[in-house]
């Protein structure tokens, strides 16, 4: 069964990769390769007929759970709570040109972590900026250890969100990664449908969202199965830090991280857009209002301007265009603006789910 949900940031994490014990310690890559081959075949089959989607979902989930059971204890996690690493994030951001004055990171209970003003901030005042060097982008992925595989794999080249997910996983597995201070502050799990229990998905069968839930779960399982084989067999993947520990648990975490946090920014020459994860900036909760975020090409940084006056002690919020109302949803999620049931028994639109 999938892990029981808890508020993001409250789950303890160990700093080094576990070696695994029992079944997890004895499982061979060949065993998992056989299971993932079966999973890939199942996920690549034609779409089921009317009324057969639930049956297919249960079959796919059964294979995924077998894989997760064999991989138990093999994921890379971190000691303590994510908020323990907030001071390191602020120090790292400051040393690399981001703004860190005038706000602090706090837990707003139901809304999760966000930014709180430590001084009065006027409407239209620039209060947050993050330079490109801090961003994790498709371009930085191509210049990383992932680059050789990216140059050969058409799926990575075609799907920037998957490239970002693998970029995130590779950097998380490297204790000396430049982005470690950022990665250590990410949630350890999410409220995306990839984390839903089977009975929660069953609850959604009478809603418009169910087809999207099925599709996202199936697509993610297919991607994982495909890339597991790639990482084990492709000559350009042998240097990736994931070769011995590419688990489904880690992949759904990375996909969910990107799904809930990715943003579009212009490339350095401004000729096109690319996908990016923006440290610190993505801690700012979104709300409705004037568009107050953008990218300053001249200074090569992401900027956020206050949409109203904020007093010291108030939560700072920005408009995230990808989450504006129910019309614009997280680009990688593929959901319609339907109501989803979450683990706290409430019903909220996916668009209303916080991205941190």
Protein backbone atom coordinates (compact mmCIF):
# COMPACT_ATOMS: atom_id res chain seq x y z
CA UNK A 1 0.00 0.00 0.00
CA UNK A 2 1.08 3.56 -0.59
CA UNK A 3 2.26 5.48 2.48
CA UNK A 4 -0.35 7.26 4.55
CA UNK A 5 -0.39 10.95 3.75
CA UNK A 6 0.89 13.47 6.24
CA UNK A 7 1.45 17.19 6.03
CA UNK A 8 4.42 17.97 3.80
CA UNK A 9 7.63 18.44 5.73
CA UNK A 10 6.75 16.35 8.77
CA UNK A 11 8.25 13.09 7.57
CA UNK A 12 11.69 12.15 8.88
CA UNK A 13 14.29 11.41 6.26
CA UNK A 14 17.71 9.80 6.47
CA UNK A 15 20.68 11.51 4.91
CA UNK A 16 22.30 8.58 3.12
CA UNK A 17 20.97 5.90 0.85
CA UNK A 18 19.96 2.80 2.75
CA UNK A 19 21.47 -0.50 1.72
CA UNK A 20 18.22 -2.30 2.36
CA UNK A 21 17.56 -5.42 4.39
CA UNK A 22 15.75 -8.68 3.83
CA UNK A 23 14.01 -8.93 0.48
CA UNK A 24 15.13 -5.47 -0.55
CA UNK A 25 18.78 -6.32 0.05
CA UNK A 26 18.64 -9.53 -1.99
CA UNK A 27 16.63 -8.27 -4.96
CA UNK A 28 18.63 -8.22 -8.18
CA UNK A 29 18.33 -5.71 -11.03
CA UNK A 30 17.28 -8.63 -13.24
CA UNK A 31 14.27 -9.37 -11.01
CA UNK A 32 13.15 -5.76 -11.13
CA UNK A 33 13.90 -5.61 -14.86
CA UNK A 34 11.54 -8.53 -15.43
CA UNK A 35 8.80 -6.83 -13.42
CA UNK A 36 9.30 -3.48 -15.15
CA UNK A 37 9.23 -5.21 -18.56
CA UNK A 38 5.86 -6.69 -17.63
CA UNK A 39 4.72 -3.29 -16.39
CA UNK A 40 5.84 -1.58 -19.61
CA UNK A 41 3.99 -4.12 -21.71
CA UNK A 42 0.82 -3.67 -19.64
CA UNK A 43 1.00 0.14 -19.80
CA UNK A 44 1.66 0.09 -23.54
CA UNK A 45 -1.40 -1.98 -24.38
CA UNK A 46 -4.36 -0.37 -26.19
CA UNK A 47 -6.72 1.73 -24.11
CA UNK A 48 -9.31 -0.42 -22.33
CA UNK A 49 -12.90 -0.40 -23.46
CA UNK A 50 -15.71 1.43 -21.65
CA UNK A 51 -16.03 0.29 -18.05
CA UNK A 52 -12.67 -1.50 -18.11
CA UNK A 53 -10.44 1.35 -16.89
CA UNK A 54 -10.72 0.42 -13.23
CA UNK A 55 -9.71 -3.17 -13.95
CA UNK A 56 -6.65 -1.97 -15.88
CA UNK A 57 -5.75 0.47 -13.12
CA UNK A 58 -5.85 -2.28 -10.47
CA UNK A 59 -3.64 -4.52 -12.64
CA UNK A 60 -1.08 -1.77 -13.18
CA UNK A 61 -1.15 -0.83 -9.51
CA UNK A 62 -0.56 -4.46 -8.51
CA UNK A 63 2.64 -4.57 -10.59
CA UNK A 64 3.77 -1.20 -9.21
CA UNK A 65 3.22 -2.40 -5.64
CA UNK A 66 5.28 -5.54 -6.30
CA UNK A 67 8.12 -3.33 -7.54
CA UNK A 68 7.81 -0.98 -4.56
CA UNK A 69 7.90 -3.91 -2.14
CA UNK A 70 11.12 -5.23 -3.66
CA UNK A 71 12.69 -1.76 -3.58
CA UNK A 72 11.74 -0.93 0.00
CA UNK A 73 14.60 0.79 1.81
CA UNK A 74 16.56 1.72 -1.32
CA UNK A 75 15.49 5.34 -1.74
CA UNK A 76 17.68 8.38 -1.08
CA UNK A 77 16.28 10.59 1.68
CA UNK A 78 17.51 13.13 4.25
CA UNK A 79 17.77 13.38 8.03
CA UNK A 80 15.17 15.34 9.96
CA UNK A 81 12.47 17.63 8.64
CA UNK A 82 12.63 19.82 5.57
CA UNK A 83 12.36 22.99 7.69
CA UNK A 84 15.63 22.01 9.36
CA UNK A 85 17.31 22.90 6.07
CA UNK A 86 15.64 26.30 5.56
CA UNK A 87 18.60 28.24 7.04
CA UNK A 88 20.96 26.50 4.61
CA UNK A 89 18.65 27.38 1.72
CA UNK A 90 18.59 31.05 2.72
CA UNK A 91 22.38 31.15 3.11
CA UNK A 92 22.94 29.45 -0.24
CA UNK A 93 20.43 31.72 -2.00
CA UNK A 94 22.01 34.85 -0.51
CA UNK A 95 25.52 33.80 -1.45
CA UNK A 96 24.38 33.29 -5.04
CA UNK A 97 22.59 36.58 -5.59
CA UNK A 98 19.00 35.94 -4.53
CA UNK A 99 17.06 38.28 -2.23
CA UNK A 100 16.53 36.95 1.28
CA UNK A 101 15.61 40.11 3.21
CA UNK A 102 12.12 41.09 4.33
CA UNK A 103 10.61 37.62 4.65
CA UNK A 104 10.96 34.28 6.40
CA UNK A 105 9.70 30.74 5.73
CA UNK A 106 7.00 29.52 8.09
CA UNK A 107 4.30 26.85 8.25
CA UNK A 108 0.83 28.24 7.53
CA UNK A 109 -0.91 25.03 8.65
CA UNK A 110 -3.53 24.16 6.00
CA UNK A 111 -1.67 26.02 3.26
CA UNK A 112 1.64 24.44 4.15
CA UNK A 113 4.93 26.32 4.16
CA UNK A 114 5.13 29.79 2.70
CA UNK A 115 6.75 33.21 3.06
CA UNK A 116 5.83 35.67 5.83
CA UNK A 117 6.78 39.33 5.71
CA UNK A 118 9.21 40.46 8.41
CA UNK A 119 8.70 44.13 7.50
CA UNK A 120 6.02 46.21 5.76
CA UNK A 121 6.09 45.79 1.99
CA UNK A 122 4.32 48.20 -0.36
CA UNK A 123 2.21 47.24 -3.37
CA UNK A 124 4.33 47.00 -6.54
CA UNK A 125 7.51 46.69 -4.50
CA UNK A 126 10.01 44.13 -5.76
CA UNK A 127 10.53 41.83 -2.78
CA UNK A 128 11.93 38.63 -4.25
CA UNK A 129 14.36 37.80 -7.05
CA UNK A 130 16.23 34.64 -7.96
CA UNK A 131 19.05 34.64 -10.55
CA UNK A 132 19.23 32.01 -13.30
CA UNK A 133 22.30 30.30 -11.79
CA UNK A 134 20.12 29.02 -8.92
CA UNK A 135 17.45 27.56 -11.20
CA UNK A 136 17.24 23.92 -12.21
CA UNK A 137 16.33 23.98 -15.89
CA UNK A 138 16.28 21.74 -18.93
CA UNK A 139 19.44 23.57 -19.99
CA UNK A 140 21.25 22.89 -16.71
CA UNK A 141 20.18 19.25 -17.06
CA UNK A 142 21.79 19.05 -20.49
CA UNK A 143 25.03 20.41 -18.98
CA UNK A 144 24.97 17.91 -16.10
CA UNK A 145 25.77 14.21 -15.71
CA UNK A 146 22.42 13.62 -17.45
CA UNK A 147 23.67 15.32 -20.63
CA UNK A 148 25.04 12.26 -22.50
CA UNK A 149 21.81 10.31 -22.02
CA UNK A 150 19.70 13.37 -22.91
CA UNK A 151 21.55 13.66 -26.22
CA UNK A 152 20.52 10.11 -27.12
CA UNK A 153 17.02 9.72 -25.66
CA UNK A 154 14.12 11.11 -27.66
CA UNK A 155 11.69 11.07 -24.74
CA UNK A 156 13.95 13.26 -22.61
CA UNK A 157 14.43 15.59 -25.59
CA UNK A 158 10.69 15.83 -26.20
CA UNK A 159 9.47 16.10 -22.61
CA UNK A 160 11.11 18.79 -20.52
CA UNK A 161 9.18 17.82 -17.41
CA UNK A 162 10.66 14.31 -17.45
CA UNK A 163 14.13 15.76 -18.04
CA UNK A 164 13.66 17.98 -14.97
CA UNK A 165 12.51 14.99 -12.91
CA UNK A 166 15.68 13.08 -13.77
CA UNK A 167 17.82 16.16 -13.25
CA UNK A 168 16.31 16.43 -9.76
CA UNK A 169 16.94 12.76 -9.00
CA UNK A 170 20.55 12.84 -10.19
CA UNK A 171 21.35 15.95 -8.16
CA UNK A 172 19.60 14.59 -5.07
CA UNK A 173 21.78 11.47 -5.25
CA UNK A 174 24.94 13.60 -5.33
CA UNK A 175 25.82 14.91 -1.84
CA UNK A 176 28.10 17.51 -3.46
CA UNK A 177 25.46 18.87 -5.83
CA UNK A 178 25.25 22.65 -6.14
CA UNK A 179 21.47 22.35 -5.63
CA UNK A 180 21.54 20.26 -2.44
CA UNK A 181 20.47 23.22 -0.20
CA UNK A 182 17.34 23.53 -2.37
CA UNK A 183 16.59 19.83 -2.82
CA UNK A 184 16.81 19.17 0.93
CA UNK A 185 13.92 21.60 1.53
CA UNK A 186 11.52 19.92 -0.91
CA UNK A 187 8.57 17.94 0.52
CA UNK A 188 9.25 14.24 1.10
CA UNK A 189 5.88 13.33 -0.42
CA UNK A 190 2.94 15.02 -2.10
CA UNK A 191 -0.83 15.06 -2.39
CA UNK A 192 -0.78 14.26 -6.11
CA UNK A 193 -2.87 11.30 -7.37
CA UNK A 194 0.34 9.27 -7.64
CA UNK A 195 0.21 9.05 -3.83
CA UNK A 196 -3.49 8.21 -3.53
CA UNK A 197 -4.51 4.97 -1.86
CA UNK A 198 -6.56 2.58 -3.96
CA UNK A 199 -9.74 3.32 -2.01
CA UNK A 200 -9.25 7.04 -2.59
CA UNK A 201 -9.08 6.46 -6.33
CA UNK A 202 -12.19 4.27 -6.10
CA UNK A 203 -13.97 7.19 -4.43
CA UNK A 204 -13.27 9.32 -7.52
CA UNK A 205 -14.89 6.95 -9.99
CA UNK A 206 -18.07 9.00 -10.08
CA UNK A 207 -16.21 12.25 -10.83
CA UNK A 208 -14.96 13.80 -14.04
CA UNK A 209 -11.41 13.64 -12.68
CA UNK A 210 -11.17 9.84 -12.68
CA UNK A 211 -10.02 9.50 -16.30
CA UNK A 212 -7.19 11.94 -15.66
CA UNK A 213 -6.20 10.07 -12.48
CA UNK A 214 -6.07 6.79 -14.41
CA UNK A 215 -4.10 8.41 -17.23
CA UNK A 216 -1.54 10.04 -14.95
CA UNK A 217 -0.93 6.85 -12.99
CA UNK A 218 -0.59 4.76 -16.15
CA UNK A 219 1.69 7.27 -17.89
CA UNK A 220 3.96 7.56 -14.86
CA UNK A 221 4.19 3.78 -14.50
CA UNK A 222 5.01 3.45 -18.21
CA UNK A 223 7.71 6.12 -17.97
CA UNK A 224 9.26 4.46 -14.94
CA UNK A 225 9.31 1.04 -16.59
CA UNK A 226 10.84 2.44 -19.77
CA UNK A 227 13.55 4.42 -17.99
CA UNK A 228 14.41 1.59 -15.60
CA UNK A 229 15.50 -0.46 -18.60
CA UNK A 230 17.29 2.53 -20.11
CA UNK A 231 19.26 3.19 -16.92
CA UNK A 232 20.24 -0.47 -16.61
CA UNK A 233 21.23 -1.02 -20.23
CA UNK A 234 22.04 2.22 -22.07
CA UNK A 235 25.79 2.89 -22.43
CA UNK A 236 25.27 6.62 -21.75
CA UNK A 237 23.51 5.87 -18.44
CA UNK A 238 26.33 3.99 -16.71
CA UNK A 239 27.66 7.11 -14.96
CA UNK A 240 24.30 8.20 -13.59
CA UNK A 241 24.11 8.00 -9.77
CA UNK A 242 20.73 6.29 -10.19
CA UNK A 243 21.92 3.03 -11.72
CA UNK A 244 21.78 1.04 -8.47
CA UNK A 245 18.88 2.84 -6.83
CA UNK A 246 16.32 4.05 -9.39
CA UNK A 247 13.14 3.22 -7.49
CA UNK A 248 9.52 3.85 -8.36
CA UNK A 249 9.19 5.66 -5.03
CA UNK A 250 11.89 8.12 -6.09
CA UNK A 251 10.44 8.57 -9.56
CA UNK A 252 6.93 9.44 -8.37
CA UNK A 253 8.51 11.88 -5.90
CA UNK A 254 10.49 13.58 -8.66
CA UNK A 255 7.52 13.65 -11.05
CA UNK A 256 5.31 15.12 -8.32
CA UNK A 257 7.97 17.69 -7.41
CA UNK A 258 8.16 18.87 -11.00
CA UNK A 259 4.42 18.62 -11.57
CA UNK A 260 3.66 20.95 -8.67
CA UNK A 261 6.61 23.36 -8.97
CA UNK A 262 7.70 23.76 -12.60
CA UNK A 263 7.50 27.14 -14.30
CA UNK A 264 8.22 28.44 -17.77
CA UNK A 265 11.02 30.96 -18.17
CA UNK A 266 12.75 32.34 -21.27
CA UNK A 267 16.07 30.90 -22.37
CA UNK A 268 19.13 33.12 -21.93
CA UNK A 269 18.78 34.63 -25.40
CA UNK A 270 15.02 35.10 -24.95
CA UNK A 271 14.24 33.23 -28.16
CA UNK A 272 12.07 30.54 -26.57
CA UNK A 273 10.78 29.25 -23.24
CA UNK A 274 12.10 26.42 -21.12
CA UNK A 275 10.99 24.68 -17.93
CA UNK A 276 12.56 25.48 -14.58
CA UNK A 277 12.43 24.77 -10.86
CA UNK A 278 12.94 28.07 -9.02
CA UNK A 279 14.39 27.76 -5.49
CA UNK A 280 12.93 30.01 -2.77
CA UNK A 281 10.49 31.60 -5.24
CA UNK A 282 8.42 28.40 -5.25
CA UNK A 283 7.91 28.74 -1.49
CA UNK A 284 5.66 31.74 -2.08
CA UNK A 285 2.00 30.68 -2.06
CA UNK A 286 -0.17 31.64 -4.99
CA UNK A 287 -3.41 33.59 -5.01
CA UNK A 288 -5.73 35.41 -7.41
CA UNK A 289 -4.96 38.95 -8.46
CA UNK A 290 -2.70 40.93 -10.72
CA UNK A 291 0.09 39.08 -12.47
CA UNK A 292 3.04 39.93 -10.27
CA UNK A 293 5.76 37.54 -11.35
CA UNK A 294 7.98 37.59 -14.38
CA UNK A 295 11.46 37.13 -15.75
CA UNK A 296 13.87 40.04 -16.13
CA UNK A 297 16.08 39.16 -19.09
CA UNK A 298 18.31 42.19 -18.59
CA UNK A 299 19.26 41.10 -15.06
CA UNK A 300 18.69 37.42 -15.94
CA UNK A 301 16.55 36.65 -12.92
CA UNK A 302 13.05 35.69 -11.87
CA UNK A 303 11.28 38.53 -10.02
CA UNK A 304 8.22 38.81 -7.80
CA UNK A 305 6.45 42.11 -7.06
CA UNK A 306 3.94 42.54 -4.19
CA UNK A 307 0.39 42.59 -5.54
CA UNK A 308 -0.82 44.63 -2.55
CA UNK A 309 0.44 46.20 0.66
CA UNK A 310 1.67 43.62 3.15
CA UNK A 311 2.25 44.30 6.84
CA UNK A 312 4.95 42.58 8.84
CA UNK A 313 3.61 39.18 9.95
CA UNK A 314 1.33 38.68 6.93
CA UNK A 315 1.77 35.92 4.38
CA UNK A 316 3.33 37.03 1.10
CA UNK A 317 1.46 35.70 -1.91
CA UNK A 318 1.98 35.87 -5.63
CA UNK A 319 -0.07 34.99 -8.66
CA UNK A 320 1.26 31.87 -10.31
CA UNK A 321 -0.15 32.05 -13.88
CA UNK A 322 -0.15 28.27 -14.23
CA UNK A 323 -2.52 28.08 -11.24
CA UNK A 324 -4.78 31.04 -12.01
CA UNK A 325 -8.33 30.00 -11.20
CA UNK A 326 -9.37 26.59 -12.53
CA UNK A 327 -8.62 27.49 -16.13
CA UNK A 328 -4.88 26.99 -15.89
CA UNK A 329 -3.66 23.87 -14.17
CA UNK A 330 -0.22 22.47 -13.49
CA UNK A 331 1.17 21.83 -17.00
CA UNK A 332 2.41 18.30 -16.31
CA UNK A 333 -0.67 17.17 -14.41
CA UNK A 334 -3.04 16.87 -17.35
CA UNK A 335 -6.11 17.40 -15.18
CA UNK A 336 -9.40 19.09 -15.91
CA UNK A 337 -10.64 21.50 -13.20
CA UNK A 338 -12.58 18.77 -11.41
CA UNK A 339 -12.92 18.29 -7.70
CA UNK A 340 -10.61 15.79 -6.07
CA UNK A 341 -10.99 14.18 -2.69
CA UNK A 342 -7.89 14.58 -0.53
CA UNK A 343 -6.76 12.75 2.58
CA UNK A 344 -8.10 15.35 4.96
CA UNK A 345 -11.64 14.59 3.81
CA UNK A 346 -12.07 17.92 2.05
CA UNK A 347 -12.79 18.51 -1.62
CA UNK A 348 -10.66 21.03 -3.41
CA UNK A 349 -9.85 21.64 -7.04
CA UNK A 350 -6.46 20.49 -8.21
CA UNK A 351 -5.79 24.08 -9.15
CA UNK A 352 -6.20 24.96 -5.50
CA UNK A 353 -3.55 22.54 -4.27
CA UNK A 354 -0.52 24.42 -3.04
CA UNK A 355 2.75 23.88 -4.87
CA UNK A 356 4.96 23.50 -1.80
